[in-house]
Amino acid sequence: MARSQLTAPSLILSNVQPLPPVSRIVIALAQTVLTWDLRRHGRRALRNLDPHLLRDIGLTEQAAAVEAEKPFWQD
């Protein structure tokens, strides 16, 4: 009985042109805004967690409060 081998298809990207500068800037801006939005949502969720759930993820209430109070643009 022959065994089939699964291989990933190979992509040839030799003809792909780099993005124009304006497109690269727009993509970078979109990535930054998405990162900020994820931080904002995560910190809001952290603020609303019960103490026993904070302990489950290894955070004290004080550490969670410090993280939740950070502005969205701060890492």
C-alpha atoms as a PDB file:
ATOM      1  CA  MET A   1       0.000   0.000   0.000  1.00  0.00           C
ATOM      2  CA  ALA A   2       1.518   3.303  -1.062  1.00  0.00           C
ATOM      3  CA  ARG A   3       1.633   6.198   1.331  1.00  0.00           C
ATOM      4  CA  SER A   4       0.603   9.585   0.032  1.00  0.00           C
ATOM      5  CA  GLN A   5       2.750  12.515   0.979  1.00  0.00           C
ATOM      6  CA  LEU A   6       1.150  15.823   1.760  1.00  0.00           C
ATOM      7  CA  THR A   7       3.163  18.789   0.666  1.00  0.00           C
ATOM      8  CA  ALA A   8       2.376  22.455   0.911  1.00  0.00           C
ATOM      9  CA  PRO A   9       1.829  24.146  -2.420  1.00  0.00           C
ATOM     10  CA  SER A  10       4.736  26.300  -3.391  1.00  0.00           C
ATOM     11  CA  LEU A  11       4.112  29.919  -4.221  1.00  0.00           C
ATOM     12  CA  ILE A  12       6.276  31.704  -6.694  1.00  0.00           C
ATOM     13  CA  LEU A  13       6.326  35.381  -5.839  1.00  0.00           C
ATOM     14  CA  SER A  14       8.977  36.530  -8.258  1.00  0.00           C
ATOM     15  CA  ASN A  15       6.640  38.888 -10.119  1.00  0.00           C
ATOM     16  CA  VAL A  16       5.140  40.567  -7.045  1.00  0.00           C
ATOM     17  CA  GLN A  17       5.789  44.292  -6.967  1.00  0.00           C
ATOM     18  CA  PRO A  18       6.360  46.084  -3.651  1.00  0.00           C
ATOM     19  CA  LEU A  19       3.520  48.240  -2.440  1.00  0.00           C
ATOM     20  CA  PRO A  20       3.619  51.949  -3.178  1.00  0.00           C
ATOM     21  CA  PRO A  21       4.733  54.157  -0.277  1.00  0.00           C
ATOM     22  CA  VAL A  22       1.230  55.531   0.365  1.00  0.00           C
ATOM     23  CA  SER A  23      -0.183  52.004   0.613  1.00  0.00           C
ATOM     24  CA  ARG A  24       2.526  50.987   3.070  1.00  0.00           C
ATOM     25  CA  ILE A  25       1.709  54.021   5.234  1.00  0.00           C
ATOM     26  CA  VAL A  26      -2.026  53.260   5.182  1.00  0.00           C
ATOM     27  CA  ILE A  27      -1.412  49.627   6.126  1.00  0.00           C
ATOM     28  CA  ALA A  28       0.924  50.631   8.969  1.00  0.00           C
ATOM     29  CA  LEU A  29      -1.660  53.119  10.237  1.00  0.00           C
ATOM     30  CA  ALA A  30      -4.406  50.477  10.106  1.00  0.00           C
ATOM     31  CA  GLN A  31      -2.206  48.028  12.033  1.00  0.00           C
ATOM     32  CA  THR A  32      -1.532  50.658  14.690  1.00  0.00           C
ATOM     33  CA  VAL A  33      -5.228  51.470  15.088  1.00  0.00           C
ATOM     34  CA  LEU A  34      -6.080  47.759  15.367  1.00  0.00           C
ATOM     35  CA  THR A  35      -3.399  47.292  18.019  1.00  0.00           C
ATOM     36  CA  TRP A  36      -4.781  50.229  19.991  1.00  0.00           C
ATOM     37  CA  ASP A  37      -8.316  48.842  19.726  1.00  0.00           C
ATOM     38  CA  LEU A  38      -7.209  45.419  20.974  1.00  0.00           C
ATOM     39  CA  ARG A  39      -5.456  47.022  23.940  1.00  0.00           C
ATOM     40  CA  ARG A  40      -8.514  49.117  24.769  1.00  0.00           C
ATOM     41  CA  HIS A  41     -10.836  46.115  24.691  1.00  0.00           C
ATOM     42  CA  GLY A  42      -8.419  43.920  26.633  1.00  0.00           C
ATOM     43  CA  ARG A  43      -7.891  46.497  29.348  1.00  0.00           C
ATOM     44  CA  ARG A  44     -11.628  47.092  29.643  1.00  0.00           C
ATOM     45  CA  ALA A  45     -12.178  43.342  30.036  1.00  0.00           C
ATOM     46  CA  LEU A  46      -9.375  43.143  32.600  1.00  0.00           C
ATOM     47  CA  ARG A  47     -10.990  45.919  34.613  1.00  0.00           C
ATOM     48  CA  ASN A  48     -14.211  43.889  34.825  1.00  0.00           C
ATOM     49  CA  LEU A  49     -12.726  40.547  35.899  1.00  0.00           C
ATOM     50  CA  ASP A  50     -13.568  39.149  39.313  1.00  0.00           C
ATOM     51  CA  PRO A  51     -10.705  38.663  41.805  1.00  0.00           C
ATOM     52  CA  HIS A  52     -10.852  34.855  41.536  1.00  0.00           C
ATOM     53  CA  LEU A  53     -10.496  35.085  37.745  1.00  0.00           C
ATOM     54  CA  LEU A  54      -7.520  37.426  38.127  1.00  0.00           C
ATOM     55  CA  ARG A  55      -5.886  34.850  40.395  1.00  0.00           C
ATOM     56  CA  ASP A  56      -6.538  32.194  37.738  1.00  0.00           C
ATOM     57  CA  ILE A  57      -4.483  34.173  35.220  1.00  0.00           C
ATOM     58  CA  GLY A  58      -1.799  35.014  37.759  1.00  0.00           C
ATOM     59  CA  LEU A  59      -2.551  38.698  38.380  1.00  0.00           C
ATOM     60  CA  THR A  60      -3.165  40.579  41.566  1.00  0.00           C
ATOM     61  CA  GLU A  61      -5.963  43.119  41.713  1.00  0.00           C
ATOM     62  CA  GLN A  62      -3.365  45.882  41.962  1.00  0.00           C
ATOM     63  CA  ALA A  63      -1.457  44.688  38.893  1.00  0.00           C
ATOM     64  CA  ALA A  64      -4.708  44.409  36.925  1.00  0.00           C
ATOM     65  CA  ALA A  65      -5.724  47.911  38.009  1.00  0.00           C
ATOM     66  CA  VAL A  66      -2.366  49.343  36.915  1.00  0.00           C
ATOM     67  CA  GLU A  67      -2.658  47.658  33.516  1.00  0.00           C
ATOM     68  CA  ALA A  68      -6.312  48.659  33.082  1.00  0.00           C
ATOM     69  CA  GLU A  69      -5.513  52.320  33.759  1.00  0.00           C
ATOM     70  CA  LYS A  70      -2.866  52.561  31.036  1.00  0.00           C
ATOM     71  CA  PRO A  71      -3.906  54.588  27.993  1.00  0.00           C
ATOM     72  CA  PHE A  72      -4.542  52.546  24.859  1.00  0.00           C
ATOM     73  CA  TRP A  73      -1.468  53.882  23.082  1.00  0.00           C
ATOM     74  CA  GLN A  74       0.890  52.814  25.864  1.00  0.00           C
ATOM     75  CA  ASP A  75       2.377  49.316  25.590  1.00  0.00           C
END
